[in-house]
Amino acid sequence: MSGELKETGNMGQVQSPVPVKAKEKKEPTMEDYFRGGLFVLVVLLLAISSLQFVGSVNQVIYTWFESEYIPIIRAVFNLAMVVFCLYVIKYYLLKKKA
């Protein structure tokens, strides 16, 4: 029975093995390397800018709000940052899979 095909229950039809289509792998070009390097550079700039933005917002919070409300405002801001980051990651990963 090792090489035999079995009935599938589909009106007595026999299921034949179908080869899986493999994606053709192309050799990376200079443009692919350039795009990858540019992506890494943009991600680094984004990370630096994001850290500076968070620092600036913290300074604004300390300037505008009373000291008793600062932990609450910072918690809300940090929660908003986490939600935003999770949304971006989810969107990027879902877009990448499709």
PDB file of N, CA and C in Angstrom:
ATOM      1  N   MET A   1       0.805  -1.193   0.000  1.00  0.00           N
ATOM      2  CA  MET A   1       0.000   0.000   0.000  1.00  0.00           C
ATOM      3  C   MET A   1       0.847   1.255   0.000  1.00  0.00           C
ATOM      4  N   SER A   2       2.125   1.147  -0.048  1.00  0.00           N
ATOM      5  CA  SER A   2       2.946   2.340   0.055  1.00  0.00           C
ATOM      6  C   SER A   2       2.852   3.207  -1.188  1.00  0.00           C
ATOM      7  N   GLY A   3       2.692   2.632  -2.364  1.00  0.00           N
ATOM      8  CA  GLY A   3       2.650   3.423  -3.579  1.00  0.00           C
ATOM      9  C   GLY A   3       1.254   3.579  -4.139  1.00  0.00           C
ATOM     10  N   GLU A   4       0.234   3.028  -3.471  1.00  0.00           N
ATOM     11  CA  GLU A   4      -1.124   3.077  -3.997  1.00  0.00           C
ATOM     12  C   GLU A   4      -1.813   4.378  -3.610  1.00  0.00           C
ATOM     13  N   LEU A   5      -2.745   4.783  -4.442  1.00  0.00           N
ATOM     14  CA  LEU A   5      -3.569   5.946  -4.143  1.00  0.00           C
ATOM     15  C   LEU A   5      -4.843   5.474  -3.481  1.00  0.00           C
ATOM     16  N   LYS A   6      -5.324   6.218  -2.516  1.00  0.00           N
ATOM     17  CA  LYS A   6      -6.517   5.826  -1.777  1.00  0.00           C
ATOM     18  C   LYS A   6      -7.699   6.653  -2.245  1.00  0.00           C
ATOM     19  N   GLU A   7      -8.897   6.096  -2.050  1.00  0.00           N
ATOM     20  CA  GLU A   7     -10.109   6.847  -2.354  1.00  0.00           C
ATOM     21  C   GLU A   7     -10.313   7.905  -1.281  1.00  0.00           C
ATOM     22  N   THR A   8     -10.823   9.037  -1.707  1.00  0.00           N
ATOM     23  CA  THR A   8     -10.994  10.143  -0.767  1.00  0.00           C
ATOM     24  C   THR A   8     -12.421  10.282  -0.284  1.00  0.00           C
ATOM     25  N   GLY A   9     -13.357   9.538  -0.826  1.00  0.00           N
ATOM     26  CA  GLY A   9     -14.746   9.700  -0.454  1.00  0.00           C
ATOM     27  C   GLY A   9     -15.443  10.716  -1.341  1.00  0.00           C
ATOM     28  N   ASN A  10     -14.790  11.211  -2.340  1.00  0.00           N
ATOM     29  CA  ASN A  10     -15.372  12.183  -3.265  1.00  0.00           C
ATOM     30  C   ASN A  10     -15.977  11.440  -4.447  1.00  0.00           C
ATOM     31  N   MET A  11     -17.101  10.804  -4.231  1.00  0.00           N
ATOM     32  CA  MET A  11     -17.824  10.069  -5.273  1.00  0.00           C
ATOM     33  C   MET A  11     -16.943   9.019  -5.953  1.00  0.00           C
ATOM     34  N   GLY A  12     -16.074   8.402  -5.192  1.00  0.00           N
ATOM     35  CA  GLY A  12     -15.253   7.336  -5.735  1.00  0.00           C
ATOM     36  C   GLY A  12     -14.062   7.809  -6.543  1.00  0.00           C
ATOM     37  N   GLN A  13     -13.819   9.098  -6.595  1.00  0.00           N
ATOM     38  CA  GLN A  13     -12.681   9.604  -7.353  1.00  0.00           C
ATOM     39  C   GLN A  13     -11.404   9.365  -6.566  1.00  0.00           C
ATOM     40  N   VAL A  14     -10.355   9.125  -7.291  1.00  0.00           N
ATOM     41  CA  VAL A  14      -9.059   8.898  -6.678  1.00  0.00           C
ATOM     42  C   VAL A  14      -8.271  10.200  -6.736  1.00  0.00           C
ATOM     43  N   GLN A  15      -7.704  10.557  -5.591  1.00  0.00           N
ATOM     44  CA  GLN A  15      -6.942  11.799  -5.530  1.00  0.00           C
ATOM     45  C   GLN A  15      -5.516  11.527  -5.976  1.00  0.00           C
ATOM     46  N   SER A  16      -5.070  12.284  -6.950  1.00  0.00           N
ATOM     47  CA  SER A  16      -3.702  12.108  -7.426  1.00  0.00           C
ATOM     48  C   SER A  16      -2.807  13.150  -6.767  1.00  0.00           C
ATOM     49  N   PRO A  17      -1.571  12.795  -6.559  1.00  0.00           N
ATOM     50  CA  PRO A  17      -0.663  13.765  -5.946  1.00  0.00           C
ATOM     51  C   PRO A  17      -0.414  14.928  -6.906  1.00  0.00           C
ATOM     52  N   VAL A  18      -0.591  16.143  -6.397  1.00  0.00           N
ATOM     53  CA  VAL A  18      -0.395  17.339  -7.209  1.00  0.00           C
ATOM     54  C   VAL A  18       0.900  18.001  -6.763  1.00  0.00           C
ATOM     55  N   PRO A  19       1.778  18.280  -7.699  1.00  0.00           N
ATOM     56  CA  PRO A  19       3.030  18.927  -7.292  1.00  0.00           C
ATOM     57  C   PRO A  19       2.767  20.347  -6.782  1.00  0.00           C
ATOM     58  N   VAL A  20       3.455  20.708  -5.737  1.00  0.00           N
ATOM     59  CA  VAL A  20       3.313  22.030  -5.155  1.00  0.00           C
ATOM     60  C   VAL A  20       4.178  22.992  -5.958  1.00  0.00           C
ATOM     61  N   LYS A  21       3.576  24.112  -6.338  1.00  0.00           N
ATOM     62  CA  LYS A  21       4.333  25.097  -7.102  1.00  0.00           C
ATOM     63  C   LYS A  21       5.293  25.819  -6.168  1.00  0.00           C
ATOM     64  N   ALA A  22       6.534  25.792  -6.516  1.00  0.00           N
ATOM     65  CA  ALA A  22       7.541  26.490  -5.726  1.00  0.00           C
ATOM     66  C   ALA A  22       7.813  27.848  -6.360  1.00  0.00           C
ATOM     67  N   LYS A  23       8.006  28.840  -5.508  1.00  0.00           N
ATOM     68  CA  LYS A  23       8.331  30.154  -6.029  1.00  0.00           C
ATOM     69  C   LYS A  23       9.732  30.123  -6.624  1.00  0.00           C
ATOM     70  N   GLU A  24       9.854  30.793  -7.744  1.00  0.00           N
ATOM     71  CA  GLU A  24      11.164  30.876  -8.361  1.00  0.00           C
ATOM     72  C   GLU A  24      11.997  31.875  -7.574  1.00  0.00           C
ATOM     73  N   LYS A  25      13.167  31.440  -7.153  1.00  0.00           N
ATOM     74  CA  LYS A  25      14.042  32.332  -6.409  1.00  0.00           C
ATOM     75  C   LYS A  25      14.980  33.001  -7.392  1.00  0.00           C
ATOM     76  N   LYS A  26      14.899  34.322  -7.402  1.00  0.00           N
ATOM     77  CA  LYS A  26      15.792  35.054  -8.283  1.00  0.00           C
ATOM     78  C   LYS A  26      17.005  35.510  -7.496  1.00  0.00           C
ATOM     79  N   GLU A  27      18.057  35.712  -8.196  1.00  0.00           N
ATOM     80  CA  GLU A  27      19.290  36.160  -7.568  1.00  0.00           C
ATOM     81  C   GLU A  27      19.152  37.636  -7.203  1.00  0.00           C
ATOM     82  N   PRO A  28      19.571  38.029  -5.988  1.00  0.00           N
ATOM     83  CA  PRO A  28      19.437  39.436  -5.596  1.00  0.00           C
ATOM     84  C   PRO A  28      20.270  40.349  -6.500  1.00  0.00           C
ATOM     85  N   THR A  29      19.678  41.462  -6.857  1.00  0.00           N
ATOM     86  CA  THR A  29      20.369  42.423  -7.708  1.00  0.00           C
ATOM     87  C   THR A  29      20.895  43.574  -6.858  1.00  0.00           C
ATOM     88  N   MET A  30      21.613  44.466  -7.504  1.00  0.00           N
ATOM     89  CA  MET A  30      22.141  45.639  -6.810  1.00  0.00           C
ATOM     90  C   MET A  30      20.994  46.505  -6.277  1.00  0.00           C
ATOM     91  N   GLU A  31      19.893  46.548  -7.016  1.00  0.00           N
ATOM     92  CA  GLU A  31      18.725  47.320  -6.575  1.00  0.00           C
ATOM     93  C   GLU A  31      18.135  46.729  -5.295  1.00  0.00           C
ATOM     94  N   ASP A  32      18.106  45.393  -5.193  1.00  0.00           N
ATOM     95  CA  ASP A  32      17.596  44.749  -3.979  1.00  0.00           C
ATOM     96  C   ASP A  32      18.462  45.100  -2.771  1.00  0.00           C
ATOM     97  N   TYR A  33      19.779  45.084  -2.956  1.00  0.00           N
ATOM     98  CA  TYR A  33      20.681  45.456  -1.863  1.00  0.00           C
ATOM     99  C   TYR A  33      20.498  46.928  -1.479  1.00  0.00           C
ATOM    100  N   PHE A  34      20.315  47.787  -2.487  1.00  0.00           N
ATOM    101  CA  PHE A  34      20.102  49.211  -2.223  1.00  0.00           C
ATOM    102  C   PHE A  34      18.815  49.418  -1.437  1.00  0.00           C
ATOM    103  N   ARG A  35      17.745  48.732  -1.852  1.00  0.00           N
ATOM    104  CA  ARG A  35      16.469  48.857  -1.139  1.00  0.00           C
ATOM    105  C   ARG A  35      16.590  48.354   0.299  1.00  0.00           C
ATOM    106  N   GLY A  36      17.302  47.252   0.494  1.00  0.00           N
ATOM    107  CA  GLY A  36      17.496  46.725   1.844  1.00  0.00           C
ATOM    108  C   GLY A  36      18.282  47.681   2.721  1.00  0.00           C
ATOM    109  N   GLY A  37      19.355  48.242   2.175  1.00  0.00           N
ATOM    110  CA  GLY A  37      20.153  49.211   2.923  1.00  0.00           C
ATOM    111  C   GLY A  37      19.372  50.469   3.244  1.00  0.00           C
ATOM    112  N   LEU A  38      18.590  50.936   2.278  1.00  0.00           N
ATOM    113  CA  LEU A  38      17.761  52.116   2.493  1.00  0.00           C
ATOM    114  C   LEU A  38      16.712  51.849   3.571  1.00  0.00           C
ATOM    115  N   PHE A  39      16.140  50.643   3.561  1.00  0.00           N
ATOM    116  CA  PHE A  39      15.154  50.269   4.576  1.00  0.00           C
ATOM    117  C   PHE A  39      15.785  50.284   5.967  1.00  0.00           C
ATOM    118  N   VAL A  40      16.985  49.729   6.101  1.00  0.00           N
ATOM    119  CA  VAL A  40      17.673  49.708   7.397  1.00  0.00           C
ATOM    120  C   VAL A  40      17.964  51.133   7.859  1.00  0.00           C
ATOM    121  N   LEU A  41      18.414  51.986   6.942  1.00  0.00           N
ATOM    122  CA  LEU A  41      18.705  53.373   7.288  1.00  0.00           C
ATOM    123  C   LEU A  41      17.448  54.105   7.758  1.00  0.00           C
ATOM    124  N   VAL A  42      16.345  53.903   7.058  1.00  0.00           N
ATOM    125  CA  VAL A  42      15.089  54.561   7.432  1.00  0.00           C
ATOM    126  C   VAL A  42      14.594  54.055   8.788  1.00  0.00           C
ATOM    127  N   VAL A  43      14.740  52.763   9.051  1.00  0.00           N
ATOM    128  CA  VAL A  43      14.317  52.213  10.346  1.00  0.00           C
ATOM    129  C   VAL A  43      15.162  52.800  11.475  1.00  0.00           C
ATOM    130  N   LEU A  44      16.469  52.947  11.257  1.00  0.00           N
ATOM    131  CA  LEU A  44      17.321  53.555  12.283  1.00  0.00           C
ATOM    132  C   LEU A  44      16.928  55.010  12.540  1.00  0.00           C
ATOM    133  N   LEU A  45      16.696  55.767  11.475  1.00  0.00           N
ATOM    134  CA  LEU A  45      16.266  57.157  11.643  1.00  0.00           C
ATOM    135  C   LEU A  45      14.919  57.238  12.356  1.00  0.00           C
ATOM    136  N   LEU A  46      14.024  56.322  12.023  1.00  0.00           N
ATOM    137  CA  LEU A  46      12.719  56.286  12.681  1.00  0.00           C
ATOM    138  C   LEU A  46      12.858  55.972  14.169  1.00  0.00           C
ATOM    139  N   ALA A  47      13.736  55.037  14.509  1.00  0.00           N
ATOM    140  CA  ALA A  47      13.938  54.683  15.915  1.00  0.00           C
ATOM    141  C   ALA A  47      14.501  55.868  16.695  1.00  0.00           C
ATOM    142  N   ILE A  48      15.492  56.553  16.123  1.00  0.00           N
ATOM    143  CA  ILE A  48      16.082  57.714  16.799  1.00  0.00           C
ATOM    144  C   ILE A  48      15.041  58.821  16.965  1.00  0.00           C
ATOM    145  N   SER A  49      14.298  59.086  15.905  1.00  0.00           N
ATOM    146  CA  SER A  49      13.270  60.133  15.971  1.00  0.00           C
ATOM    147  C   SER A  49      12.179  59.784  16.973  1.00  0.00           C
ATOM    148  N   SER A  50      11.811  58.517  17.029  1.00  0.00           N
ATOM    149  CA  SER A  50      10.771  58.095  17.977  1.00  0.00           C
ATOM    150  C   SER A  50      11.227  58.293  19.415  1.00  0.00           C
ATOM    151  N   LEU A  51      12.477  57.942  19.703  1.00  0.00           N
ATOM    152  CA  LEU A  51      12.992  58.134  21.060  1.00  0.00           C
ATOM    153  C   LEU A  51      13.039  59.618  21.422  1.00  0.00           C
ATOM    154  N   GLN A  52      13.457  60.453  20.486  1.00  0.00           N
ATOM    155  CA  GLN A  52      13.481  61.891  20.756  1.00  0.00           C
ATOM    156  C   GLN A  52      12.067  62.442  20.931  1.00  0.00           C
ATOM    157  N   PHE A  53      11.131  61.923  20.170  1.00  0.00           N
ATOM    158  CA  PHE A  53       9.740  62.361  20.303  1.00  0.00           C
ATOM    159  C   PHE A  53       9.191  62.009  21.677  1.00  0.00           C
ATOM    160  N   VAL A  54       9.459  60.801  22.133  1.00  0.00           N
ATOM    161  CA  VAL A  54       8.978  60.384  23.454  1.00  0.00           C
ATOM    162  C   VAL A  54       9.593  61.266  24.536  1.00  0.00           C
ATOM    163  N   GLY A  55      10.882  61.567  24.409  1.00  0.00           N
ATOM    164  CA  GLY A  55      11.524  62.460  25.378  1.00  0.00           C
ATOM    165  C   GLY A  55      10.905  63.847  25.375  1.00  0.00           C
ATOM    166  N   SER A  56      10.612  64.356  24.192  1.00  0.00           N
ATOM    167  CA  SER A  56       9.989  65.681  24.089  1.00  0.00           C
ATOM    168  C   SER A  56       8.591  65.689  24.694  1.00  0.00           C
ATOM    169  N   VAL A  57       7.828  64.650  24.445  1.00  0.00           N
ATOM    170  CA  VAL A  57       6.480  64.576  25.015  1.00  0.00           C
ATOM    171  C   VAL A  57       6.557  64.497  26.538  1.00  0.00           C
ATOM    172  N   ASN A  58       7.529  63.759  27.059  1.00  0.00           N
ATOM    173  CA  ASN A  58       7.682  63.697  28.517  1.00  0.00           C
ATOM    174  C   ASN A  58       8.004  65.076  29.095  1.00  0.00           C
ATOM    175  N   GLN A  59       8.841  65.847  28.402  1.00  0.00           N
ATOM    176  CA  GLN A  59       9.140  67.204  28.873  1.00  0.00           C
ATOM    177  C   GLN A  59       7.896  68.091  28.834  1.00  0.00           C
ATOM    178  N   VAL A  60       7.095  67.938  27.793  1.00  0.00           N
ATOM    179  CA  VAL A  60       5.854  68.709  27.694  1.00  0.00           C
ATOM    180  C   VAL A  60       4.901  68.324  28.819  1.00  0.00           C
ATOM    181  N   ILE A  61       4.831  67.041  29.122  1.00  0.00           N
ATOM    182  CA  ILE A  61       3.957  66.581  30.213  1.00  0.00           C
ATOM    183  C   ILE A  61       4.407  67.201  31.535  1.00  0.00           C
ATOM    184  N   TYR A  62       5.723  67.200  31.791  1.00  0.00           N
ATOM    185  CA  TYR A  62       6.220  67.792  33.036  1.00  0.00           C
ATOM    186  C   TYR A  62       5.979  69.301  33.081  1.00  0.00           C
ATOM    187  N   THR A  63       5.968  69.955  31.920  1.00  0.00           N
ATOM    188  CA  THR A  63       5.775  71.405  31.884  1.00  0.00           C
ATOM    189  C   THR A  63       4.309  71.786  32.048  1.00  0.00           C
ATOM    190  N   TRP A  64       3.425  71.095  31.376  1.00  0.00           N
ATOM    191  CA  TRP A  64       2.022  71.510  31.308  1.00  0.00           C
ATOM    192  C   TRP A  64       1.148  71.002  32.449  1.00  0.00           C
ATOM    193  N   PHE A  65       1.503  69.877  33.056  1.00  0.00           N
ATOM    194  CA  PHE A  65       0.606  69.256  34.028  1.00  0.00           C
ATOM    195  C   PHE A  65       1.177  69.341  35.436  1.00  0.00           C
ATOM    196  N   GLU A  66       0.275  69.318  36.399  1.00  0.00           N
ATOM    197  CA  GLU A  66       0.670  69.309  37.807  1.00  0.00           C
ATOM    198  C   GLU A  66       1.373  67.992  38.117  1.00  0.00           C
ATOM    199  N   SER A  67       2.234  68.022  39.128  1.00  0.00           N
ATOM    200  CA  SER A  67       3.052  66.847  39.442  1.00  0.00           C
ATOM    201  C   SER A  67       2.217  65.636  39.852  1.00  0.00           C
ATOM    202  N   GLU A  68       1.039  65.864  40.399  1.00  0.00           N
ATOM    203  CA  GLU A  68       0.210  64.729  40.827  1.00  0.00           C
ATOM    204  C   GLU A  68      -0.428  63.992  39.644  1.00  0.00           C
ATOM    205  N   TYR A  69      -0.553  64.665  38.491  1.00  0.00           N
ATOM    206  CA  TYR A  69      -1.176  64.040  37.320  1.00  0.00           C
ATOM    207  C   TYR A  69      -0.160  63.470  36.328  1.00  0.00           C
ATOM    208  N   ILE A  70       1.103  63.737  36.545  1.00  0.00           N
ATOM    209  CA  ILE A  70       2.134  63.309  35.591  1.00  0.00           C
ATOM    210  C   ILE A  70       2.157  61.791  35.398  1.00  0.00           C
ATOM    211  N   PRO A  71       2.129  60.961  36.454  1.00  0.00           N
ATOM    212  CA  PRO A  71       2.146  59.508  36.216  1.00  0.00           C
ATOM    213  C   PRO A  71       0.948  59.015  35.402  1.00  0.00           C
ATOM    214  N   ILE A  72      -0.205  59.618  35.611  1.00  0.00           N
ATOM    215  CA  ILE A  72      -1.404  59.206  34.870  1.00  0.00           C
ATOM    216  C   ILE A  72      -1.262  59.566  33.395  1.00  0.00           C
ATOM    217  N   ILE A  73      -0.830  60.788  33.127  1.00  0.00           N
ATOM    218  CA  ILE A  73      -0.670  61.234  31.743  1.00  0.00           C
ATOM    219  C   ILE A  73       0.400  60.405  31.037  1.00  0.00           C
ATOM    220  N   ARG A  74       1.501  60.132  31.729  1.00  0.00           N
ATOM    221  CA  ARG A  74       2.565  59.316  31.117  1.00  0.00           C
ATOM    222  C   ARG A  74       2.074  57.900  30.834  1.00  0.00           C
ATOM    223  N   ALA A  75       1.283  57.338  31.739  1.00  0.00           N
ATOM    224  CA  ALA A  75       0.750  55.991  31.516  1.00  0.00           C
ATOM    225  C   ALA A  75      -0.159  55.959  30.295  1.00  0.00           C
ATOM    226  N   VAL A  76      -1.005  56.974  30.151  1.00  0.00           N
ATOM    227  CA  VAL A  76      -1.897  57.039  28.986  1.00  0.00           C
ATOM    228  C   VAL A  76      -1.084  57.188  27.706  1.00  0.00           C
ATOM    229  N   PHE A  77      -0.072  58.054  27.738  1.00  0.00           N
ATOM    230  CA  PHE A  77       0.774  58.240  26.558  1.00  0.00           C
ATOM    231  C   PHE A  77       1.511  56.950  26.204  1.00  0.00           C
ATOM    232  N   ASN A  78       2.079  56.273  27.202  1.00  0.00           N
ATOM    233  CA  ASN A  78       2.799  55.021  26.940  1.00  0.00           C
ATOM    234  C   ASN A  78       1.861  53.942  26.411  1.00  0.00           C
ATOM    235  N   LEU A  79       0.646  53.888  26.928  1.00  0.00           N
ATOM    236  CA  LEU A  79      -0.331  52.932  26.417  1.00  0.00           C
ATOM    237  C   LEU A  79      -0.669  53.234  24.960  1.00  0.00           C
ATOM    238  N   ALA A  80      -0.831  54.507  24.644  1.00  0.00           N
ATOM    239  CA  ALA A  80      -1.108  54.887  23.256  1.00  0.00           C
ATOM    240  C   ALA A  80       0.055  54.500  22.343  1.00  0.00           C
ATOM    241  N   MET A  81       1.284  54.657  22.816  1.00  0.00           N
ATOM    242  CA  MET A  81       2.456  54.267  22.016  1.00  0.00           C
ATOM    243  C   MET A  81       2.486  52.754  21.789  1.00  0.00           C
ATOM    244  N   VAL A  82       2.162  51.984  22.821  1.00  0.00           N
ATOM    245  CA  VAL A  82       2.144  50.525  22.680  1.00  0.00           C
ATOM    246  C   VAL A  82       1.079  50.101  21.676  1.00  0.00           C
ATOM    247  N   VAL A  83      -0.113  50.672  21.775  1.00  0.00           N
ATOM    248  CA  VAL A  83      -1.196  50.337  20.843  1.00  0.00           C
ATOM    249  C   VAL A  83      -0.798  50.701  19.417  1.00  0.00           C
ATOM    250  N   PHE A  84      -0.217  51.874  19.235  1.00  0.00           N
ATOM    251  CA  PHE A  84       0.223  52.301  17.903  1.00  0.00           C
ATOM    252  C   PHE A  84       1.282  51.356  17.342  1.00  0.00           C
ATOM    253  N   CYS A  85       2.263  50.990  18.165  1.00  0.00           N
ATOM    254  CA  CYS A  85       3.328  50.088  17.700  1.00  0.00           C
ATOM    255  C   CYS A  85       2.769  48.715  17.340  1.00  0.00           C
ATOM    256  N   LEU A  86       1.852  48.197  18.146  1.00  0.00           N
ATOM    257  CA  LEU A  86       1.243  46.904  17.831  1.00  0.00           C
ATOM    258  C   LEU A  86       0.442  46.973  16.537  1.00  0.00           C
ATOM    259  N   TYR A  87      -0.254  48.074  16.316  1.00  0.00           N
ATOM    260  CA  TYR A  87      -1.009  48.247  15.076  1.00  0.00           C
ATOM    261  C   TYR A  87      -0.073  48.263  13.869  1.00  0.00           C
ATOM    262  N   VAL A  88       1.021  48.993  13.970  1.00  0.00           N
ATOM    263  CA  VAL A  88       1.969  49.068  12.854  1.00  0.00           C
ATOM    264  C   VAL A  88       2.592  47.706  12.587  1.00  0.00           C
ATOM    265  N   ILE A  89       2.970  47.000  13.644  1.00  0.00           N
ATOM    266  CA  ILE A  89       3.566  45.669  13.467  1.00  0.00           C
ATOM    267  C   ILE A  89       2.559  44.720  12.839  1.00  0.00           C
ATOM    268  N   LYS A  90       1.326  44.734  13.311  1.00  0.00           N
ATOM    269  CA  LYS A  90       0.294  43.855  12.754  1.00  0.00           C
ATOM    270  C   LYS A  90       0.059  44.175  11.284  1.00  0.00           C
ATOM    271  N   TYR A  91      -0.050  45.461  10.956  1.00  0.00           N
ATOM    272  CA  TYR A  91      -0.274  45.871   9.564  1.00  0.00           C
ATOM    273  C   TYR A  91       0.899  45.443   8.686  1.00  0.00           C
ATOM    274  N   TYR A  92       2.120  45.627   9.180  1.00  0.00           N
ATOM    275  CA  TYR A  92       3.297  45.270   8.395  1.00  0.00           C
ATOM    276  C   TYR A  92       3.371  43.760   8.188  1.00  0.00           C
ATOM    277  N   LEU A  93       3.116  42.995   9.236  1.00  0.00           N
ATOM    278  CA  LEU A  93       3.204  41.540   9.108  1.00  0.00           C
ATOM    279  C   LEU A  93       2.098  40.991   8.223  1.00  0.00           C
ATOM    280  N   LEU A  94       0.877  41.518   8.350  1.00  0.00           N
ATOM    281  CA  LEU A  94      -0.208  41.049   7.492  1.00  0.00           C
ATOM    282  C   LEU A  94       0.045  41.436   6.045  1.00  0.00           C
ATOM    283  N   LYS A  95       0.584  42.612   5.819  1.00  0.00           N
ATOM    284  CA  LYS A  95       0.900  43.043   4.465  1.00  0.00           C
ATOM    285  C   LYS A  95       2.021  42.185   3.892  1.00  0.00           C
ATOM    286  N   LYS A  96       2.971  41.804   4.726  1.00  0.00           N
ATOM    287  CA  LYS A  96       4.119  41.003   4.293  1.00  0.00           C
ATOM    288  C   LYS A  96       3.678  39.595   3.890  1.00  0.00           C
ATOM    289  N   LYS A  97       2.712  39.008   4.614  1.00  0.00           N
ATOM    290  CA  LYS A  97       2.253  37.652   4.318  1.00  0.00           C
ATOM    291  C   LYS A  97       1.435  37.587   3.041  1.00  0.00           C
ATOM    292  N   ALA A  98       0.682  38.618   2.741  1.00  0.00           N
ATOM    293  CA  ALA A  98      -0.207  38.618   1.578  1.00  0.00           C
ATOM    294  C   ALA A  98       0.533  38.741   0.277  1.00  0.00           C
TER     295      ALA A  98
END
